[in-house]
Amino acid sequence: MTAHRRRFLADCAALGAGALLPLPAAAQWGVVHELSGEVLLNGARMARNAAVRAGQTISTGKDGHIWFTVAGDAYFLRPGSELRLRPAGVRDSVIQALRLVTGALGATFGRGPARRVYAETVTIGIRGTGIYVETTPQETYACNCFGSTELMSASTGSMMEAVAVTTEYHMARLISAGRVVPAPFERHTNEEILRLERLAGRPNPFQG
């Protein structure tokens, strides 16, 4: 058996076990780890073996949940959510930004290029960060679970606040039009963020 053939079989075995293989940036695609209830991919019922990639929209019904990874990033969506995966360019397969139209998103991001999460009232600049975001037309709850973020006004693009988590974790904010106020750690758990990091193959971010 050739070395190439042995490597191919090893890669297939890893995929069967649910592992996410490292991929070049130009070939980013995702793996669905958990899927329940009504979950749609570009408006059609999503299959458990669906490949998630830039340019797609994932939406969940009132009982829909999904956990998935794309390259080094991990995500979950709660029921009643819509998430658009924005590519870096028109013909690019790299996910550079996320547009949370409505609902709730948990996400952890690997180190690499800066990315953004767009919600109704805020744009969140991220790098190697864990976040939880819930958004409505009137208000966005954004928790910086670990790492650092920049909160910018969705309407003007101006900087509202830079949030850096150092010795403490889960620094949350409520953001409305032009206003940022501290908020409690709620609506998500440490265990959910830890699970995202495990899916991405990273250690516990809350230790140290």
N, C-alpha and C. Protein backbone atom coordinates (compact mmCIF):
# COMPACT_ATOMS: atom_id res chain seq x y z
N MET A 1 0.85 -1.20 0.00
CA MET A 1 0.00 0.00 0.00
C MET A 1 0.89 1.24 0.00
N THR A 2 0.59 2.19 -0.85
CA THR A 2 1.40 3.40 -0.94
C THR A 2 1.15 4.31 0.25
N ALA A 3 2.12 5.22 0.48
CA ALA A 3 1.97 6.18 1.58
C ALA A 3 0.77 7.07 1.35
N HIS A 4 0.52 7.46 0.08
CA HIS A 4 -0.63 8.30 -0.25
C HIS A 4 -1.94 7.60 0.11
N ARG A 5 -1.99 6.28 -0.22
CA ARG A 5 -3.21 5.51 0.07
C ARG A 5 -3.43 5.38 1.57
N ARG A 6 -2.35 5.15 2.33
CA ARG A 6 -2.48 5.04 3.79
C ARG A 6 -2.98 6.34 4.39
N ARG A 7 -2.48 7.48 3.88
CA ARG A 7 -2.91 8.79 4.39
C ARG A 7 -4.39 9.02 4.08
N PHE A 8 -4.83 8.63 2.87
CA PHE A 8 -6.22 8.79 2.49
C PHE A 8 -7.14 8.00 3.42
N LEU A 9 -6.78 6.74 3.71
CA LEU A 9 -7.60 5.91 4.59
C LEU A 9 -7.63 6.46 6.00
N ALA A 10 -6.49 6.99 6.47
CA ALA A 10 -6.46 7.58 7.81
C ALA A 10 -7.35 8.80 7.89
N ASP A 11 -7.36 9.62 6.85
CA ASP A 11 -8.21 10.80 6.82
C ASP A 11 -9.68 10.40 6.85
N CYS A 12 -10.05 9.36 6.09
CA CYS A 12 -11.43 8.90 6.07
C CYS A 12 -11.86 8.41 7.43
N ALA A 13 -10.96 7.69 8.13
CA ALA A 13 -11.29 7.19 9.47
C ALA A 13 -11.51 8.33 10.44
N ALA A 14 -10.70 9.38 10.33
CA ALA A 14 -10.86 10.54 11.21
C ALA A 14 -12.18 11.23 10.98
N LEU A 15 -12.58 11.36 9.73
CA LEU A 15 -13.87 11.98 9.43
C LEU A 15 -15.01 11.15 9.97
N GLY A 16 -14.90 9.85 9.89
CA GLY A 16 -15.94 8.98 10.40
C GLY A 16 -16.09 9.10 11.89
N ALA A 17 -15.02 9.43 12.60
CA ALA A 17 -15.07 9.60 14.05
C ALA A 17 -15.53 10.99 14.44
N GLY A 18 -15.83 11.84 13.47
CA GLY A 18 -16.33 13.18 13.77
C GLY A 18 -15.24 14.21 13.92
N ALA A 19 -13.99 13.88 13.57
CA ALA A 19 -12.90 14.83 13.69
C ALA A 19 -12.97 15.84 12.57
N LEU A 20 -12.47 17.03 12.82
CA LEU A 20 -12.40 18.06 11.79
C LEU A 20 -10.96 18.15 11.31
N LEU A 21 -10.73 17.82 10.06
CA LEU A 21 -9.39 17.84 9.52
C LEU A 21 -8.98 19.26 9.19
N PRO A 22 -7.70 19.62 9.39
CA PRO A 22 -7.25 20.96 9.01
C PRO A 22 -7.33 21.13 7.51
N LEU A 23 -7.86 22.25 7.08
CA LEU A 23 -8.01 22.53 5.65
C LEU A 23 -7.35 23.85 5.31
N PRO A 24 -6.87 24.00 4.09
CA PRO A 24 -6.36 25.31 3.68
C PRO A 24 -7.48 26.32 3.68
N ALA A 25 -7.13 27.59 3.92
CA ALA A 25 -8.15 28.64 4.02
C ALA A 25 -9.02 28.71 2.79
N ALA A 26 -8.46 28.44 1.63
CA ALA A 26 -9.24 28.57 0.40
C ALA A 26 -10.24 27.44 0.21
N ALA A 27 -10.22 26.43 1.12
CA ALA A 27 -11.13 25.30 0.97
C ALA A 27 -11.92 25.07 2.26
N GLN A 28 -12.30 26.13 2.92
CA GLN A 28 -13.04 26.01 4.17
C GLN A 28 -14.39 25.37 3.94
N TRP A 29 -14.71 24.40 4.75
CA TRP A 29 -16.04 23.82 4.78
C TRP A 29 -16.29 23.30 6.18
N GLY A 30 -17.51 22.97 6.50
CA GLY A 30 -17.85 22.68 7.87
C GLY A 30 -18.37 21.28 8.10
N VAL A 31 -18.41 20.91 9.38
CA VAL A 31 -18.93 19.63 9.83
C VAL A 31 -20.04 19.87 10.84
N VAL A 32 -21.18 19.21 10.64
CA VAL A 32 -22.29 19.30 11.58
C VAL A 32 -22.09 18.24 12.65
N HIS A 33 -22.05 18.66 13.92
CA HIS A 33 -21.83 17.73 15.03
C HIS A 33 -23.14 17.33 15.72
N GLU A 34 -24.11 18.23 15.72
CA GLU A 34 -25.41 17.92 16.34
C GLU A 34 -26.50 18.68 15.58
N LEU A 35 -27.60 18.02 15.32
CA LEU A 35 -28.70 18.62 14.57
C LEU A 35 -30.00 18.05 15.11
N SER A 36 -30.92 18.93 15.53
CA SER A 36 -32.20 18.46 16.02
C SER A 36 -33.28 19.48 15.70
N GLY A 37 -34.52 19.00 15.54
CA GLY A 37 -35.62 19.89 15.23
C GLY A 37 -35.51 20.43 13.82
N GLU A 38 -36.19 21.55 13.57
CA GLU A 38 -36.19 22.15 12.23
C GLU A 38 -34.97 23.04 12.05
N VAL A 39 -34.09 22.64 11.14
CA VAL A 39 -32.92 23.43 10.78
C VAL A 39 -32.86 23.49 9.25
N LEU A 40 -32.75 24.70 8.70
CA LEU A 40 -32.75 24.89 7.25
C LEU A 40 -31.40 25.42 6.79
N LEU A 41 -30.96 24.94 5.63
CA LEU A 41 -29.75 25.44 4.99
C LEU A 41 -30.17 26.05 3.66
N ASN A 42 -30.02 27.37 3.54
CA ASN A 42 -30.49 28.09 2.34
C ASN A 42 -31.96 27.79 2.04
N GLY A 43 -32.76 27.69 3.11
CA GLY A 43 -34.20 27.52 2.96
C GLY A 43 -34.70 26.10 2.81
N ALA A 44 -33.79 25.12 2.72
CA ALA A 44 -34.18 23.72 2.57
C ALA A 44 -33.77 22.94 3.81
N ARG A 45 -34.53 21.88 4.10
CA ARG A 45 -34.24 21.07 5.28
C ARG A 45 -32.78 20.61 5.26
N MET A 46 -32.09 20.83 6.37
CA MET A 46 -30.66 20.52 6.44
C MET A 46 -30.45 19.07 6.83
N ALA A 47 -29.52 18.41 6.14
CA ALA A 47 -29.17 17.03 6.44
C ALA A 47 -28.01 16.98 7.42
N ARG A 48 -27.93 15.87 8.14
CA ARG A 48 -26.87 15.70 9.14
C ARG A 48 -25.48 15.72 8.49
N ASN A 49 -25.39 15.28 7.25
CA ASN A 49 -24.09 15.24 6.57
C ASN A 49 -23.87 16.44 5.65
N ALA A 50 -24.64 17.50 5.84
CA ALA A 50 -24.50 18.69 4.99
C ALA A 50 -23.13 19.33 5.18
N ALA A 51 -22.58 19.86 4.10
CA ALA A 51 -21.32 20.59 4.16
C ALA A 51 -21.64 22.08 4.30
N VAL A 52 -21.15 22.69 5.37
CA VAL A 52 -21.40 24.10 5.64
C VAL A 52 -20.24 24.91 5.09
N ARG A 53 -20.57 26.00 4.37
CA ARG A 53 -19.49 26.81 3.80
C ARG A 53 -19.95 28.27 3.68
N ALA A 54 -19.00 29.12 3.34
CA ALA A 54 -19.27 30.54 3.18
C ALA A 54 -20.34 30.77 2.12
N GLY A 55 -21.15 31.81 2.33
CA GLY A 55 -22.20 32.16 1.39
C GLY A 55 -23.54 31.54 1.71
N GLN A 56 -23.60 30.64 2.70
CA GLN A 56 -24.84 29.98 3.06
C GLN A 56 -25.55 30.68 4.21
N THR A 57 -26.84 30.34 4.37
CA THR A 57 -27.64 30.84 5.49
C THR A 57 -28.21 29.65 6.24
N ILE A 58 -28.03 29.64 7.55
CA ILE A 58 -28.58 28.59 8.41
C ILE A 58 -29.66 29.22 9.27
N SER A 59 -30.83 28.60 9.32
CA SER A 59 -31.92 29.10 10.16
C SER A 59 -32.54 27.94 10.93
N THR A 60 -33.01 28.25 12.13
CA THR A 60 -33.60 27.23 13.00
C THR A 60 -35.04 27.59 13.30
N GLY A 61 -35.90 26.55 13.34
CA GLY A 61 -37.29 26.74 13.73
C GLY A 61 -37.43 26.82 15.24
N LYS A 62 -38.65 26.76 15.73
CA LYS A 62 -38.90 26.94 17.16
C LYS A 62 -38.33 25.80 18.00
N ASP A 63 -38.01 24.65 17.37
CA ASP A 63 -37.40 23.55 18.10
C ASP A 63 -36.04 23.17 17.53
N GLY A 64 -35.45 24.04 16.72
CA GLY A 64 -34.22 23.70 16.02
C GLY A 64 -32.96 24.06 16.79
N HIS A 65 -32.01 23.13 16.79
CA HIS A 65 -30.69 23.36 17.38
C HIS A 65 -29.63 22.82 16.41
N ILE A 66 -28.49 23.46 16.36
CA ILE A 66 -27.38 22.95 15.56
C ILE A 66 -26.05 23.35 16.20
N TRP A 67 -25.10 22.40 16.20
CA TRP A 67 -23.72 22.64 16.59
C TRP A 67 -22.86 22.25 15.40
N PHE A 68 -21.95 23.13 14.97
CA PHE A 68 -21.11 22.82 13.82
C PHE A 68 -19.78 23.54 13.92
N THR A 69 -18.82 23.03 13.16
CA THR A 69 -17.51 23.66 13.08
C THR A 69 -17.17 23.96 11.63
N VAL A 70 -16.42 25.04 11.43
CA VAL A 70 -15.89 25.39 10.12
C VAL A 70 -14.43 25.78 10.32
N ALA A 71 -13.53 25.00 9.70
CA ALA A 71 -12.09 25.19 9.90
C ALA A 71 -11.83 25.19 11.41
N GLY A 72 -11.25 26.25 11.97
CA GLY A 72 -10.92 26.26 13.40
C GLY A 72 -11.95 26.94 14.27
N ASP A 73 -13.14 27.21 13.74
CA ASP A 73 -14.18 27.90 14.50
C ASP A 73 -15.33 26.96 14.81
N ALA A 74 -16.01 27.19 15.94
CA ALA A 74 -17.12 26.33 16.36
C ALA A 74 -18.32 27.20 16.72
N TYR A 75 -19.53 26.68 16.43
CA TYR A 75 -20.75 27.48 16.59
C TYR A 75 -21.91 26.63 17.11
N PHE A 76 -22.84 27.29 17.80
CA PHE A 76 -24.17 26.70 17.99
C PHE A 76 -25.22 27.78 17.78
N LEU A 77 -26.40 27.35 17.34
CA LEU A 77 -27.54 28.24 17.17
C LEU A 77 -28.69 27.71 18.00
N ARG A 78 -29.40 28.62 18.67
CA ARG A 78 -30.58 28.26 19.43
C ARG A 78 -31.81 28.34 18.51
N PRO A 79 -32.98 27.88 19.00
CA PRO A 79 -34.21 27.97 18.19
C PRO A 79 -34.53 29.41 17.79
N GLY A 80 -35.16 29.56 16.64
CA GLY A 80 -35.58 30.87 16.16
C GLY A 80 -34.46 31.78 15.74
N SER A 81 -33.41 31.21 15.17
CA SER A 81 -32.24 32.00 14.78
C SER A 81 -32.02 31.95 13.27
N GLU A 82 -31.36 32.98 12.76
CA GLU A 82 -30.93 33.00 11.36
C GLU A 82 -29.52 33.56 11.30
N LEU A 83 -28.61 32.78 10.71
CA LEU A 83 -27.20 33.14 10.64
C LEU A 83 -26.74 33.07 9.19
N ARG A 84 -26.15 34.16 8.69
CA ARG A 84 -25.60 34.20 7.34
C ARG A 84 -24.08 34.17 7.42
N LEU A 85 -23.48 33.25 6.68
CA LEU A 85 -22.03 33.08 6.67
C LEU A 85 -21.46 33.86 5.49
N ARG A 86 -20.84 34.97 5.78
CA ARG A 86 -20.39 35.88 4.72
C ARG A 86 -18.98 35.52 4.26
N PRO A 87 -18.77 35.39 2.95
CA PRO A 87 -17.42 35.12 2.44
C PRO A 87 -16.58 36.39 2.41
N ALA A 88 -15.27 36.19 2.29
CA ALA A 88 -14.37 37.34 2.22
C ALA A 88 -14.54 38.10 0.92
N GLY A 89 -14.94 37.41 -0.16
CA GLY A 89 -15.16 38.04 -1.46
C GLY A 89 -16.25 37.31 -2.20
N VAL A 90 -16.62 37.82 -3.36
CA VAL A 90 -17.73 37.25 -4.12
C VAL A 90 -17.48 35.78 -4.45
N ARG A 91 -16.24 35.43 -4.80
CA ARG A 91 -15.91 34.06 -5.19
C ARG A 91 -15.05 33.38 -4.15
N ASP A 92 -15.07 33.87 -2.92
CA ASP A 92 -14.20 33.35 -1.87
C ASP A 92 -14.96 32.35 -1.00
N SER A 93 -14.29 31.28 -0.59
CA SER A 93 -14.91 30.28 0.28
C SER A 93 -14.55 30.49 1.75
N VAL A 94 -13.78 31.52 2.05
CA VAL A 94 -13.37 31.80 3.42
C VAL A 94 -14.46 32.61 4.14
N ILE A 95 -14.88 32.15 5.33
CA ILE A 95 -15.87 32.90 6.11
C ILE A 95 -15.15 34.02 6.85
N GLN A 96 -15.47 35.25 6.49
CA GLN A 96 -14.83 36.40 7.10
C GLN A 96 -15.74 37.07 8.12
N ALA A 97 -17.06 36.92 7.97
CA ALA A 97 -18.00 37.59 8.86
C ALA A 97 -19.26 36.76 9.01
N LEU A 98 -19.96 37.01 10.10
CA LEU A 98 -21.23 36.34 10.39
C LEU A 98 -22.29 37.41 10.58
N ARG A 99 -23.45 37.20 9.98
CA ARG A 99 -24.57 38.12 10.16
C ARG A 99 -25.67 37.39 10.91
N LEU A 100 -25.82 37.73 12.21
CA LEU A 100 -26.88 37.15 13.02
C LEU A 100 -28.12 38.02 12.84
N VAL A 101 -29.02 37.57 11.98
CA VAL A 101 -30.22 38.35 11.67
C VAL A 101 -31.16 38.39 12.86
N THR A 102 -31.32 37.25 13.50
CA THR A 102 -32.18 37.16 14.69
C THR A 102 -31.78 35.93 15.47
N GLY A 103 -32.15 35.89 16.75
CA GLY A 103 -31.92 34.72 17.56
C GLY A 103 -30.62 34.75 18.34
N ALA A 104 -30.06 33.56 18.61
CA ALA A 104 -28.93 33.44 19.53
C ALA A 104 -27.83 32.57 18.94
N LEU A 105 -26.59 33.04 19.10
CA LEU A 105 -25.40 32.38 18.56
C LEU A 105 -24.35 32.27 19.65
N GLY A 106 -23.77 31.07 19.79
CA GLY A 106 -22.56 30.89 20.58
C GLY A 106 -21.44 30.53 19.63
N ALA A 107 -20.25 31.07 19.83
CA ALA A 107 -19.15 30.81 18.89
C ALA A 107 -17.80 30.98 19.57
N THR A 108 -16.85 30.15 19.18
CA THR A 108 -15.46 30.34 19.57
C THR A 108 -14.62 30.33 18.30
N PHE A 109 -13.60 31.18 18.28
CA PHE A 109 -12.82 31.40 17.06
C PHE A 109 -11.35 31.11 17.30
N GLY A 110 -10.72 30.44 16.34
CA GLY A 110 -9.30 30.20 16.42
C GLY A 110 -8.50 31.45 16.09
N ARG A 111 -7.22 31.39 16.38
CA ARG A 111 -6.36 32.53 16.05
C ARG A 111 -6.23 32.64 14.54
N GLY A 112 -6.07 33.87 14.07
CA GLY A 112 -5.97 34.09 12.64
C GLY A 112 -6.50 35.46 12.27
N PRO A 113 -6.96 35.62 11.05
CA PRO A 113 -7.44 36.93 10.61
C PRO A 113 -8.60 37.43 11.47
N ALA A 114 -8.67 38.73 11.66
CA ALA A 114 -9.79 39.32 12.39
C ALA A 114 -11.09 39.09 11.63
N ARG A 115 -12.15 38.81 12.37
CA ARG A 115 -13.47 38.62 11.78
C ARG A 115 -14.49 39.46 12.52
N ARG A 116 -15.70 39.49 11.97
CA ARG A 116 -16.74 40.30 12.59
C ARG A 116 -18.06 39.53 12.67
N VAL A 117 -18.82 39.85 13.72
CA VAL A 117 -20.18 39.36 13.85
C VAL A 117 -21.10 40.58 13.78
N TYR A 118 -22.01 40.58 12.83
CA TYR A 118 -22.97 41.67 12.67
C TYR A 118 -24.29 41.27 13.30
N ALA A 119 -24.76 42.08 14.24
CA ALA A 119 -26.07 41.90 14.85
C ALA A 119 -26.90 43.15 14.58
N GLU A 120 -28.11 43.18 15.10
CA GLU A 120 -29.02 44.28 14.77
C GLU A 120 -28.51 45.63 15.24
N THR A 121 -27.94 45.69 16.44
CA THR A 121 -27.55 47.00 16.99
C THR A 121 -26.05 47.17 17.16
N VAL A 122 -25.26 46.14 16.82
CA VAL A 122 -23.82 46.24 17.06
C VAL A 122 -23.06 45.37 16.07
N THR A 123 -21.85 45.81 15.75
CA THR A 123 -20.89 45.00 15.02
C THR A 123 -19.77 44.64 15.97
N ILE A 124 -19.44 43.36 16.06
CA ILE A 124 -18.47 42.88 17.04
C ILE A 124 -17.21 42.43 16.31
N GLY A 125 -16.10 43.11 16.58
CA GLY A 125 -14.81 42.70 16.03
C GLY A 125 -14.21 41.62 16.92
N ILE A 126 -13.72 40.53 16.33
CA ILE A 126 -13.28 39.39 17.12
C ILE A 126 -11.93 38.88 16.62
N ARG A 127 -11.17 38.26 17.56
CA ARG A 127 -9.92 37.58 17.20
C ARG A 127 -9.59 36.60 18.33
N GLY A 128 -9.62 35.30 18.03
CA GLY A 128 -9.31 34.29 19.04
C GLY A 128 -10.19 34.41 20.26
N THR A 129 -11.48 34.51 20.05
CA THR A 129 -12.41 34.92 21.09
C THR A 129 -13.56 33.93 21.22
N GLY A 130 -14.17 33.88 22.42
CA GLY A 130 -15.41 33.16 22.62
C GLY A 130 -16.52 34.16 22.92
N ILE A 131 -17.66 34.02 22.22
CA ILE A 131 -18.75 34.98 22.40
C ILE A 131 -20.10 34.26 22.46
N TYR A 132 -21.05 34.96 23.06
CA TYR A 132 -22.46 34.55 22.98
C TYR A 132 -23.25 35.80 22.66
N VAL A 133 -24.12 35.72 21.65
CA VAL A 133 -24.86 36.90 21.18
C VAL A 133 -26.33 36.54 20.98
N GLU A 134 -27.23 37.37 21.51
CA GLU A 134 -28.66 37.30 21.22
C GLU A 134 -29.08 38.65 20.67
N THR A 135 -29.86 38.66 19.60
CA THR A 135 -30.21 39.94 19.01
C THR A 135 -31.68 40.03 18.64
N THR A 136 -32.24 41.21 18.80
CA THR A 136 -33.57 41.58 18.35
C THR A 136 -33.44 42.93 17.66
N PRO A 137 -34.48 43.41 16.97
CA PRO A 137 -34.36 44.72 16.32
C PRO A 137 -34.07 45.86 17.30
N GLN A 138 -34.44 45.70 18.56
CA GLN A 138 -34.28 46.78 19.53
C GLN A 138 -32.99 46.69 20.33
N GLU A 139 -32.46 45.48 20.55
CA GLU A 139 -31.38 45.33 21.52
C GLU A 139 -30.57 44.06 21.23
N THR A 140 -29.29 44.11 21.57
CA THR A 140 -28.43 42.95 21.45
C THR A 140 -27.74 42.68 22.77
N TYR A 141 -27.79 41.41 23.20
CA TYR A 141 -27.02 40.96 24.36
C TYR A 141 -25.76 40.31 23.81
N ALA A 142 -24.60 40.82 24.20
CA ALA A 142 -23.33 40.30 23.71
C ALA A 142 -22.41 40.02 24.88
N CYS A 143 -21.99 38.76 25.02
CA CYS A 143 -21.07 38.38 26.09
C CYS A 143 -19.72 38.00 25.50
N ASN A 144 -18.69 38.67 25.98
CA ASN A 144 -17.31 38.31 25.65
C ASN A 144 -16.89 37.25 26.67
N CYS A 145 -16.96 35.98 26.27
CA CYS A 145 -16.73 34.88 27.23
C CYS A 145 -15.25 34.74 27.57
N PHE A 146 -14.38 34.93 26.59
CA PHE A 146 -12.94 35.00 26.82
C PHE A 146 -12.32 35.69 25.62
N GLY A 147 -11.08 36.18 25.79
CA GLY A 147 -10.44 36.90 24.70
C GLY A 147 -10.81 38.37 24.70
N SER A 148 -10.88 38.97 23.52
CA SER A 148 -11.19 40.40 23.44
C SER A 148 -12.07 40.69 22.24
N THR A 149 -12.88 41.73 22.37
CA THR A 149 -13.77 42.15 21.30
C THR A 149 -13.80 43.67 21.22
N GLU A 150 -14.27 44.15 20.09
CA GLU A 150 -14.54 45.57 19.91
C GLU A 150 -15.99 45.73 19.50
N LEU A 151 -16.70 46.59 20.20
CA LEU A 151 -18.11 46.83 19.91
C LEU A 151 -18.26 48.12 19.12
N MET A 152 -18.82 48.02 17.93
CA MET A 152 -19.00 49.19 17.07
C MET A 152 -20.47 49.38 16.74
N SER A 153 -20.88 50.60 16.62
CA SER A 153 -22.27 50.90 16.29
C SER A 153 -22.64 50.31 14.94
N ALA A 154 -23.77 49.59 14.89
CA ALA A 154 -24.22 49.01 13.63
C ALA A 154 -24.66 50.07 12.64
N SER A 155 -25.12 51.21 13.14
CA SER A 155 -25.65 52.25 12.25
C SER A 155 -24.57 53.18 11.72
N THR A 156 -23.56 53.50 12.55
CA THR A 156 -22.54 54.46 12.14
C THR A 156 -21.15 53.86 11.95
N GLY A 157 -20.91 52.68 12.52
CA GLY A 157 -19.59 52.07 12.45
C GLY A 157 -18.60 52.61 13.44
N SER A 158 -19.00 53.58 14.27
CA SER A 158 -18.09 54.18 15.25
C SER A 158 -17.86 53.24 16.43
N MET A 159 -16.67 53.35 17.04
CA MET A 159 -16.33 52.52 18.18
C MET A 159 -17.20 52.88 19.38
N MET A 160 -17.75 51.86 20.04
CA MET A 160 -18.55 52.07 21.23
C MET A 160 -17.79 51.64 22.48
N GLU A 161 -17.11 50.49 22.40
CA GLU A 161 -16.36 50.00 23.56
C GLU A 161 -15.45 48.85 23.12
N ALA A 162 -14.26 48.79 23.74
CA ALA A 162 -13.38 47.64 23.57
C ALA A 162 -13.45 46.83 24.84
N VAL A 163 -13.72 45.54 24.72
CA VAL A 163 -13.87 44.66 25.88
C VAL A 163 -12.77 43.61 25.83
N ALA A 164 -11.96 43.56 26.89
CA ALA A 164 -10.90 42.56 26.98
C ALA A 164 -11.09 41.76 28.26
N VAL A 165 -11.19 40.45 28.15
CA VAL A 165 -11.32 39.58 29.31
C VAL A 165 -9.93 39.08 29.69
N THR A 166 -9.53 39.34 30.94
CA THR A 166 -8.19 38.93 31.37
C THR A 166 -8.30 37.94 32.54
N THR A 167 -8.46 38.45 33.76
CA THR A 167 -8.52 37.56 34.92
C THR A 167 -9.93 37.06 35.18
N GLU A 168 -10.93 37.76 34.68
CA GLU A 168 -12.31 37.33 34.83
C GLU A 168 -12.86 36.98 33.45
N TYR A 169 -13.99 36.27 33.46
CA TYR A 169 -14.57 35.82 32.20
C TYR A 169 -16.03 36.28 32.10
N HIS A 170 -16.56 36.16 30.90
CA HIS A 170 -17.97 36.46 30.66
C HIS A 170 -18.31 37.91 31.02
N MET A 171 -17.76 38.84 30.26
CA MET A 171 -18.11 40.25 30.40
C MET A 171 -19.19 40.56 29.36
N ALA A 172 -20.41 40.79 29.86
CA ALA A 172 -21.56 40.94 28.96
C ALA A 172 -22.01 42.40 28.89
N ARG A 173 -22.64 42.72 27.76
CA ARG A 173 -23.17 44.06 27.53
C ARG A 173 -24.54 43.96 26.86
N LEU A 174 -25.39 44.94 27.14
CA LEU A 174 -26.64 45.15 26.41
C LEU A 174 -26.44 46.37 25.53
N ILE A 175 -26.64 46.21 24.23
CA ILE A 175 -26.37 47.29 23.29
C ILE A 175 -27.65 47.65 22.55
N SER A 176 -28.06 48.90 22.70
CA SER A 176 -29.17 49.43 21.91
C SER A 176 -28.61 50.53 21.03
N ALA A 177 -29.45 51.29 20.40
CA ALA A 177 -28.98 52.34 19.49
C ALA A 177 -28.15 53.37 20.26
N GLY A 178 -26.82 53.35 20.07
CA GLY A 178 -25.95 54.35 20.67
C GLY A 178 -25.71 54.18 22.15
N ARG A 179 -26.08 53.05 22.75
CA ARG A 179 -25.94 52.88 24.20
C ARG A 179 -25.43 51.48 24.53
N VAL A 180 -24.42 51.44 25.40
CA VAL A 180 -23.86 50.18 25.87
C VAL A 180 -23.89 50.18 27.39
N VAL A 181 -24.49 49.16 28.00
CA VAL A 181 -24.55 49.07 29.45
C VAL A 181 -24.11 47.68 29.89
N PRO A 182 -23.47 47.56 31.07
CA PRO A 182 -23.07 46.24 31.57
C PRO A 182 -24.30 45.36 31.78
N ALA A 183 -24.10 44.06 31.59
CA ALA A 183 -25.18 43.08 31.75
C ALA A 183 -24.64 41.87 32.50
N PRO A 184 -25.50 41.10 33.13
CA PRO A 184 -25.04 39.91 33.86
C PRO A 184 -24.68 38.75 32.93
N PHE A 185 -23.94 37.81 33.46
CA PHE A 185 -23.64 36.56 32.76
C PHE A 185 -24.89 35.68 32.85
N GLU A 186 -25.56 35.51 31.72
CA GLU A 186 -26.80 34.76 31.70
C GLU A 186 -27.06 34.23 30.28
N ARG A 187 -28.10 33.44 30.12
CA ARG A 187 -28.58 32.96 28.82
C ARG A 187 -27.70 31.90 28.19
N HIS A 188 -26.49 31.67 28.71
CA HIS A 188 -25.60 30.63 28.23
C HIS A 188 -24.76 30.14 29.40
N THR A 189 -23.97 29.10 29.19
CA THR A 189 -23.22 28.50 30.29
C THR A 189 -21.75 28.29 29.92
N ASN A 190 -20.93 28.13 30.96
CA ASN A 190 -19.53 27.76 30.75
C ASN A 190 -19.43 26.47 29.96
N GLU A 191 -20.30 25.51 30.30
CA GLU A 191 -20.25 24.19 29.67
C GLU A 191 -20.46 24.29 28.15
N GLU A 192 -21.35 25.19 27.72
CA GLU A 192 -21.58 25.34 26.28
C GLU A 192 -20.34 25.89 25.58
N ILE A 193 -19.68 26.87 26.19
CA ILE A 193 -18.48 27.44 25.57
C ILE A 193 -17.34 26.42 25.58
N LEU A 194 -17.23 25.66 26.66
CA LEU A 194 -16.22 24.60 26.73
C LEU A 194 -16.45 23.55 25.65
N ARG A 195 -17.71 23.19 25.41
CA ARG A 195 -18.00 22.20 24.38
C ARG A 195 -17.59 22.72 23.00
N LEU A 196 -17.84 23.99 22.72
CA LEU A 196 -17.41 24.56 21.45
C LEU A 196 -15.90 24.43 21.27
N GLU A 197 -15.15 24.75 22.32
CA GLU A 197 -13.70 24.64 22.23
C GLU A 197 -13.25 23.19 22.04
N ARG A 198 -13.92 22.25 22.68
CA ARG A 198 -13.58 20.84 22.47
C ARG A 198 -13.85 20.42 21.03
N LEU A 199 -14.97 20.87 20.47
CA LEU A 199 -15.27 20.54 19.07
C LEU A 199 -14.20 21.07 18.12
N ALA A 200 -13.62 22.22 18.49
CA ALA A 200 -12.56 22.82 17.66
C ALA A 200 -11.18 22.25 17.97
N GLY A 201 -11.11 21.33 18.96
CA GLY A 201 -9.83 20.71 19.29
C GLY A 201 -8.93 21.57 20.14
N ARG A 202 -9.50 22.48 20.91
CA ARG A 202 -8.70 23.36 21.76
C ARG A 202 -8.94 23.06 23.23
N PRO A 203 -8.00 23.45 24.10
CA PRO A 203 -8.11 23.17 25.54
C PRO A 203 -9.10 24.14 26.22
N ASN A 204 -9.33 23.88 27.48
CA ASN A 204 -10.24 24.70 28.30
C ASN A 204 -9.75 26.15 28.34
N PRO A 205 -10.51 27.11 27.84
CA PRO A 205 -10.04 28.50 27.84
C PRO A 205 -10.16 29.17 29.21
N PHE A 206 -10.85 28.53 30.14
CA PHE A 206 -11.07 29.13 31.46
C PHE A 206 -10.04 28.69 32.49
N GLN A 207 -9.07 27.90 32.09
CA GLN A 207 -8.00 27.49 32.97
C GLN A 207 -6.78 28.37 32.74
N GLY A 208 -6.03 28.58 33.79
CA GLY A 208 -4.81 29.37 33.62
C GLY A 208 -4.60 30.34 34.75
